[in-house]
Amino acid sequence: MNENGTCALECPCTSIFVYLPKHALQVLVQVLVQVLVQAEAHAQKRYWLCNTRTPRFHLFLKREVNMADGEYSFSLTTFSPTGKLVQIEYALNRVSSSSPALGIRSRQNDPLELVQSFLCVVSLETQLLLRIRAKNGVIIATEKKSPNELIEENSIFKIQQISEHIGIVYAGMPGDFRVLLKRARKEAIKYYLQYGNEILVKELVKEIASIVQEFTQTGGVRPFGLSLLICGIDTYGYHLYQIDPSGCYFNWMATCIGKDYQNNISFLEKRYNNDIEIEDAIHTAILTLKESYEGVMNEKNIEIGVVSNNKPFKILTPNEIKDYLIEIE
């Protein structure tokens, strides 16, 4: 009971256990009825009063609750009546409020051409390095904004390398990204030590998606508050995958995550074509980021990662990005 005489109940069903002599029963019930009437007027909810016929009795107060989606937001593992896991919805909202990131996959090779030219086997101290020979590749790009002017810009990195030919970018919580990046690198190293060559992009994506999904069905944890774009080249071609907070993953030709992702995807749909080359893909990525960027874009506030031909994944330097910005002006 609070200061204004109303009964403050925070859960759907609250039990109050009272032990009193018989002579105090009538007075107690009268007081509690008055409290219930005031609570009914204050909260506009219905309450029921029940008691047992014993000298010492239990008094139960029950509240009728409209169980909308919000009533299920405290639980990760409970579905709402509309079929949602509300905590995942909150995680998606966190992603949608973050700086945008995008990826573009250039033209895929013909399967016969890929078989004829995709392996370059190099012997180095009894280890075999498998490299793909391809004409194009994949790029990822993101807007990089410092949360405070006093933070060193060089200390913020949203694009990271997982293995020689695989890169990753995120939209969401940096701390969560750091955890998944560590797990991804660990899986890549584990695969290399076991099989002697670089992990396939899809295999890595499946492992990371399984970790993310596990955090949607386990009690005492919360979902990862981020979405990932993983790009790379392996013996099956070029790949661009997205992983969302629910653990689902999708293979894209071009996509965007983060703030204004719907408008950015619409922009990509207008400019993307099957014959796009890496240089054109970089130009398109910069133009897409400019669509939703607030302020003047320069080489210090965007990042671009590229993997193409038989070259390792590379994060472009600020000077290289500056050249691309000049080209599209």
Protein backbone atom coordinates (compact mmCIF):
# COMPACT_ATOMS: atom_id res chain seq x y z
CA MET A 1 0.00 0.00 0.00
CA ASN A 2 1.38 3.40 -0.92
CA GLU A 3 0.97 6.83 0.68
CA ASN A 4 -2.26 7.75 -1.14
CA GLY A 5 -4.01 4.63 0.13
CA THR A 6 -4.02 2.66 -3.11
CA CYS A 7 -2.74 -0.85 -3.52
CA ALA A 8 0.29 -0.94 -5.83
CA LEU A 9 0.41 -4.31 -7.61
CA GLU A 10 3.13 -5.00 -10.18
CA CYS A 11 2.37 -8.61 -11.18
CA PRO A 12 -0.78 -10.26 -12.60
CA CYS A 13 -1.48 -12.19 -9.38
CA THR A 14 -0.43 -11.05 -5.91
CA SER A 15 -1.11 -12.97 -2.67
CA ILE A 16 -1.23 -11.29 0.74
CA PHE A 17 -1.10 -13.66 3.71
CA VAL A 18 -2.68 -12.32 6.91
CA TYR A 19 -2.82 -14.12 10.30
CA LEU A 20 -5.13 -12.45 12.87
CA PRO A 21 -7.45 -13.46 15.76
CA LYS A 22 -11.19 -13.86 15.06
CA HIS A 23 -12.21 -10.56 16.68
CA ALA A 24 -10.05 -8.59 14.24
CA LEU A 25 -11.46 -10.29 11.15
CA GLN A 26 -14.45 -7.97 10.65
CA VAL A 27 -12.40 -4.78 11.04
CA LEU A 28 -9.70 -6.06 8.69
CA VAL A 29 -12.15 -7.00 5.94
CA GLN A 30 -13.81 -3.56 6.10
CA VAL A 31 -10.44 -1.84 5.75
CA LEU A 32 -9.38 -4.03 2.85
CA VAL A 33 -12.67 -3.50 1.01
CA GLN A 34 -12.12 0.25 1.22
CA VAL A 35 -8.59 -0.21 -0.14
CA LEU A 36 -9.93 -2.30 -3.01
CA VAL A 37 -12.54 0.30 -3.91
CA GLN A 38 -9.87 3.00 -4.05
CA ALA A 39 -7.58 0.77 -6.09
CA GLU A 40 -10.43 0.04 -8.50
CA ALA A 41 -11.00 3.74 -9.05
CA HIS A 42 -7.27 4.44 -9.38
CA ALA A 43 -6.19 1.62 -11.71
CA GLN A 44 -9.55 0.91 -13.36
CA LYS A 45 -9.01 -2.82 -12.95
CA ARG A 46 -11.16 -5.50 -11.29
CA TYR A 47 -10.13 -7.29 -8.12
CA TRP A 48 -11.59 -10.25 -6.32
CA LEU A 49 -11.58 -10.80 -2.58
CA CYS A 50 -11.48 -14.36 -1.29
CA ASN A 51 -10.92 -15.74 2.19
CA THR A 52 -11.01 -19.07 3.97
CA ARG A 53 -13.29 -19.97 6.90
CA THR A 54 -10.47 -20.53 9.38
CA PRO A 55 -9.44 -18.35 12.36
CA ARG A 56 -6.22 -17.69 10.52
CA PHE A 57 -6.89 -17.14 6.87
CA HIS A 58 -5.27 -16.24 3.58
CA LEU A 59 -6.51 -13.18 1.79
CA PHE A 60 -5.91 -13.32 -1.96
CA LEU A 61 -6.00 -10.32 -4.23
CA LYS A 62 -6.16 -11.13 -7.92
CA ARG A 63 -5.99 -8.68 -10.78
CA GLU A 64 -7.35 -9.16 -14.26
CA VAL A 65 -4.69 -8.19 -16.81
CA ASN A 66 -4.89 -7.61 -20.51
CA MET A 67 -1.94 -9.71 -21.70
CA ALA A 68 -0.73 -7.72 -24.68
CA ASP A 69 2.74 -8.06 -26.22
CA GLY A 70 4.19 -5.70 -23.63
CA GLU A 71 3.27 -8.07 -20.81
CA TYR A 72 5.63 -10.66 -22.32
CA SER A 73 8.59 -8.35 -22.77
CA PHE A 74 10.20 -9.50 -19.51
CA SER A 75 10.66 -13.04 -20.85
CA LEU A 76 12.93 -14.04 -23.71
CA THR A 77 11.58 -17.58 -24.04
CA THR A 78 7.83 -16.81 -23.93
CA PHE A 79 5.87 -16.10 -27.11
CA SER A 80 3.28 -13.32 -27.01
CA PRO A 81 -0.29 -13.99 -28.24
CA THR A 82 0.72 -12.47 -31.60
CA GLY A 83 3.55 -15.00 -31.97
CA LYS A 84 6.44 -12.67 -31.21
CA LEU A 85 9.47 -12.91 -28.96
CA VAL A 86 9.40 -9.32 -27.81
CA GLN A 87 13.06 -9.19 -26.75
CA ILE A 88 14.07 -9.99 -30.34
CA GLU A 89 11.86 -7.14 -31.52
CA TYR A 90 13.75 -4.84 -29.16
CA ALA A 91 17.07 -6.13 -30.52
CA LEU A 92 15.92 -5.39 -34.07
CA ASN A 93 14.98 -1.87 -32.95
CA ARG A 94 18.52 -1.45 -31.63
CA VAL A 95 19.88 -2.45 -35.03
CA SER A 96 17.54 -0.06 -36.84
CA SER A 97 18.78 2.87 -34.77
CA SER A 98 22.47 2.18 -35.52
CA SER A 99 24.71 3.55 -38.25
CA PRO A 100 24.01 1.85 -41.59
CA ALA A 101 26.19 -0.84 -43.13
CA LEU A 102 25.82 -2.45 -46.53
CA GLY A 103 27.27 -5.09 -48.81
CA ILE A 104 27.33 -5.62 -52.58
CA ARG A 105 28.27 -8.82 -54.35
CA SER A 106 29.56 -8.42 -57.89
CA ARG A 107 28.77 -10.72 -60.80
CA GLN A 108 28.99 -14.42 -60.01
CA ASN A 109 31.16 -16.56 -62.24
CA ASP A 110 29.73 -19.19 -64.55
CA PRO A 111 30.02 -22.58 -62.74
CA LEU A 112 32.13 -24.10 -65.56
CA GLU A 113 34.44 -21.10 -65.58
CA LEU A 114 34.70 -21.34 -61.80
CA VAL A 115 35.68 -25.02 -61.95
CA GLN A 116 38.29 -24.37 -64.63
CA SER A 117 39.97 -21.46 -62.95
CA PHE A 118 39.18 -21.36 -59.30
CA LEU A 119 42.00 -23.27 -57.60
CA CYS A 120 45.56 -22.23 -57.22
CA VAL A 121 47.28 -24.84 -55.09
CA VAL A 122 50.50 -23.69 -53.51
CA SER A 123 52.72 -25.92 -51.42
CA LEU A 124 54.31 -24.17 -48.49
CA GLU A 125 55.99 -26.25 -45.81
CA THR A 126 53.63 -29.20 -46.48
CA GLN A 127 50.55 -26.94 -46.15
CA LEU A 128 48.13 -26.41 -49.04
CA LEU A 129 46.72 -22.94 -49.58
CA LEU A 130 43.58 -22.91 -51.70
CA ARG A 131 42.92 -19.65 -53.53
CA ILE A 132 40.17 -18.74 -55.88
CA ARG A 133 40.82 -17.13 -59.24
CA ALA A 134 37.84 -14.97 -60.01
CA LYS A 135 37.09 -11.83 -61.95
CA ASN A 136 35.12 -9.93 -59.33
CA GLY A 137 34.31 -10.14 -55.63
CA VAL A 138 32.38 -8.61 -52.75
CA ILE A 139 32.52 -5.30 -50.92
CA ILE A 140 31.15 -4.16 -47.57
CA ALA A 141 30.90 -0.57 -46.37
CA THR A 142 29.67 1.27 -43.32
CA GLU A 143 29.25 4.70 -41.86
CA LYS A 144 31.61 5.31 -38.96
CA LYS A 145 30.66 7.98 -36.45
CA SER A 146 32.43 8.72 -33.21
CA PRO A 147 30.00 9.01 -30.26
CA ASN A 148 32.12 11.84 -28.87
CA GLU A 149 34.49 14.36 -30.39
CA LEU A 150 37.14 13.51 -27.80
CA ILE A 151 37.38 9.87 -28.94
CA GLU A 152 40.20 9.06 -31.34
CA GLU A 153 38.73 8.20 -34.74
CA ASN A 154 41.48 5.67 -35.36
CA SER A 155 40.26 3.62 -32.38
CA ILE A 156 36.86 2.87 -33.96
CA PHE A 157 36.62 -0.03 -36.41
CA LYS A 158 33.35 -1.52 -37.63
CA ILE A 159 34.79 -3.67 -40.42
CA GLN A 160 37.04 -6.53 -39.35
CA GLN A 161 38.80 -9.47 -40.98
CA ILE A 162 37.90 -12.98 -39.83
CA SER A 163 40.21 -15.03 -42.04
CA GLU A 164 42.28 -14.44 -45.17
CA HIS A 165 39.31 -14.14 -47.56
CA ILE A 166 36.41 -13.38 -45.17
CA GLY A 167 35.38 -10.02 -43.70
CA ILE A 168 32.58 -8.84 -41.44
CA VAL A 169 30.71 -5.64 -40.59
CA TYR A 170 27.93 -4.97 -38.07
CA ALA A 171 25.12 -2.62 -37.14
CA GLY A 172 24.22 -2.55 -33.46
CA MET A 173 26.06 -2.89 -30.17
CA PRO A 174 29.88 -2.82 -30.39
CA GLY A 175 30.33 -5.00 -27.30
CA ASP A 176 28.17 -7.76 -28.76
CA PHE A 177 30.10 -7.57 -32.02
CA ARG A 178 33.37 -8.06 -30.19
CA VAL A 179 32.08 -11.31 -28.67
CA LEU A 180 30.86 -12.73 -31.99
CA LEU A 181 34.01 -11.62 -33.82
CA LYS A 182 36.11 -13.57 -31.35
CA ARG A 183 33.93 -16.67 -31.81
CA ALA A 184 34.06 -16.34 -35.60
CA ARG A 185 37.85 -16.15 -35.64
CA LYS A 186 38.04 -19.09 -33.28
CA GLU A 187 35.82 -21.19 -35.58
CA ALA A 188 37.91 -20.20 -38.62
CA ILE A 189 41.16 -21.22 -36.90
CA LYS A 190 39.62 -24.46 -35.63
CA TYR A 191 38.48 -25.38 -39.16
CA TYR A 192 41.91 -24.60 -40.62
CA LEU A 193 43.72 -26.73 -38.04
CA GLN A 194 41.35 -29.64 -38.64
CA TYR A 195 41.09 -29.61 -42.45
CA GLY A 196 44.16 -27.70 -43.58
CA ASN A 197 42.40 -24.98 -45.57
CA GLU A 198 40.23 -21.92 -45.05
CA ILE A 199 36.71 -22.35 -43.78
CA LEU A 200 33.87 -22.08 -46.30
CA VAL A 201 31.88 -18.87 -45.93
CA LYS A 202 28.55 -20.66 -45.51
CA GLU A 203 29.96 -23.00 -42.86
CA LEU A 204 31.20 -20.03 -40.85
CA VAL A 205 27.86 -18.25 -41.21
CA LYS A 206 25.99 -21.34 -39.99
CA GLU A 207 28.21 -21.58 -36.91
CA ILE A 208 27.76 -17.91 -35.99
CA ALA A 209 24.00 -18.02 -36.67
CA SER A 210 23.70 -21.05 -34.36
CA ILE A 211 25.39 -19.12 -31.56
CA VAL A 212 23.07 -16.14 -32.09
CA GLN A 213 19.99 -18.38 -32.20
CA GLU A 214 20.97 -20.11 -28.97
CA PHE A 215 20.68 -16.77 -27.19
CA THR A 216 17.01 -16.54 -28.23
CA GLN A 217 15.92 -19.71 -26.42
CA THR A 218 18.05 -19.76 -23.28
CA GLY A 219 16.90 -18.38 -19.95
CA GLY A 220 18.96 -15.79 -18.12
CA VAL A 221 20.45 -14.23 -21.26
CA ARG A 222 19.40 -11.65 -23.83
CA PRO A 223 19.60 -11.67 -27.65
CA PHE A 224 22.58 -10.13 -29.39
CA GLY A 225 21.71 -6.53 -30.21
CA LEU A 226 23.18 -6.46 -33.70
CA SER A 227 22.96 -7.68 -37.28
CA LEU A 228 25.98 -8.91 -39.22
CA LEU A 229 27.08 -8.85 -42.84
CA ILE A 230 29.69 -11.48 -43.67
CA CYS A 231 31.38 -11.45 -47.06
CA GLY A 232 34.00 -13.68 -48.60
CA ILE A 233 35.24 -15.86 -51.42
CA ASP A 234 35.72 -19.62 -51.32
CA THR A 235 35.72 -22.55 -53.72
CA TYR A 236 32.01 -22.03 -54.39
CA GLY A 237 32.24 -18.39 -55.43
CA TYR A 238 31.44 -15.02 -53.86
CA HIS A 239 29.17 -14.74 -50.85
CA LEU A 240 27.36 -12.01 -48.93
CA TYR A 241 25.39 -13.20 -45.91
CA GLN A 242 23.29 -11.37 -43.34
CA ILE A 243 22.66 -12.69 -39.81
CA ASP A 244 19.93 -11.02 -37.72
CA PRO A 245 19.32 -11.15 -33.92
CA SER A 246 16.97 -14.13 -34.26
CA GLY A 247 19.72 -16.32 -35.73
CA CYS A 248 18.30 -16.33 -39.27
CA TYR A 249 20.77 -15.92 -42.13
CA PHE A 250 20.25 -14.94 -45.76
CA ASN A 251 22.43 -14.91 -48.87
CA TRP A 252 22.21 -11.54 -50.66
CA MET A 253 23.43 -9.96 -53.85
CA ALA A 254 23.19 -6.54 -52.19
CA THR A 255 21.63 -5.40 -48.94
CA CYS A 256 21.78 -2.87 -46.13
CA ILE A 257 21.32 -3.02 -42.36
CA GLY A 258 21.00 -0.31 -39.74
CA LYS A 259 19.37 3.10 -39.87
CA ASP A 260 17.16 3.83 -42.92
CA TYR A 261 17.86 0.34 -44.24
CA GLN A 262 14.61 0.21 -46.21
CA ASN A 263 15.39 3.40 -48.15
CA ASN A 264 18.96 2.24 -48.71
CA ILE A 265 17.82 -1.13 -50.03
CA SER A 266 15.45 0.64 -52.42
CA PHE A 267 18.38 2.75 -53.62
CA LEU A 268 20.49 -0.38 -54.15
CA GLU A 269 17.69 -2.04 -56.12
CA LYS A 270 17.70 0.83 -58.59
CA ARG A 271 21.47 0.83 -59.14
CA TYR A 272 22.38 -2.84 -58.84
CA ASN A 273 22.80 -5.07 -61.89
CA ASN A 274 24.21 -8.55 -62.44
CA ASP A 275 27.25 -7.27 -64.33
CA ILE A 276 28.40 -4.81 -61.68
CA GLU A 277 32.18 -4.71 -61.18
CA ILE A 278 34.08 -4.06 -57.97
CA GLU A 279 34.88 -0.43 -58.83
CA ASP A 280 31.24 0.29 -59.62
CA ALA A 281 30.16 -1.52 -56.45
CA ILE A 282 32.38 0.73 -54.33
CA HIS A 283 30.94 3.83 -56.00
CA THR A 284 27.40 2.53 -55.43
CA ALA A 285 28.15 1.80 -51.77
CA ILE A 286 29.42 5.33 -51.16
CA LEU A 287 26.42 6.88 -52.91
CA THR A 288 24.07 4.70 -50.85
CA LEU A 289 25.67 5.76 -47.58
CA LYS A 290 25.45 9.39 -48.67
CA GLU A 291 21.68 9.07 -49.07
CA SER A 292 21.16 8.85 -45.31
CA TYR A 293 24.32 10.53 -44.07
CA GLU A 294 23.89 13.69 -42.00
CA GLY A 295 26.70 16.15 -42.59
CA VAL A 296 29.73 16.11 -44.89
CA MET A 297 31.05 12.65 -45.72
CA ASN A 298 34.82 12.24 -45.92
CA GLU A 299 37.40 9.47 -45.81
CA LYS A 300 37.44 9.54 -42.00
CA ASN A 301 33.82 8.66 -41.37
CA ILE A 302 33.28 5.67 -43.67
CA GLU A 303 34.92 2.26 -43.93
CA ILE A 304 35.10 -0.05 -46.95
CA GLY A 305 36.29 -3.65 -47.13
CA VAL A 306 36.97 -5.51 -50.38
CA VAL A 307 37.69 -9.12 -51.27
CA SER A 308 38.25 -9.90 -54.95
CA ASN A 309 40.10 -12.16 -57.36
CA ASN A 310 42.65 -14.25 -55.48
CA LYS A 311 43.52 -11.38 -53.17
CA PRO A 312 42.96 -11.44 -49.40
CA PHE A 313 40.24 -9.41 -47.74
CA LYS A 314 41.39 -5.82 -47.47
CA ILE A 315 40.15 -2.75 -45.61
CA LEU A 316 40.71 0.33 -47.74
CA THR A 317 42.92 3.06 -46.32
CA PRO A 318 41.58 6.62 -45.84
CA ASN A 319 43.63 7.78 -48.85
CA GLU A 320 42.09 5.11 -51.08
CA ILE A 321 38.59 6.04 -49.90
CA LYS A 322 39.37 9.70 -50.56
CA ASP A 323 40.18 8.87 -54.19
CA TYR A 324 36.82 7.13 -54.60
CA LEU A 325 35.01 10.10 -53.05
CA ILE A 326 36.69 12.41 -55.57
CA GLU A 327 35.67 10.12 -58.45
CA ILE A 328 31.95 10.29 -57.65
CA GLU A 329 31.82 14.07 -57.17
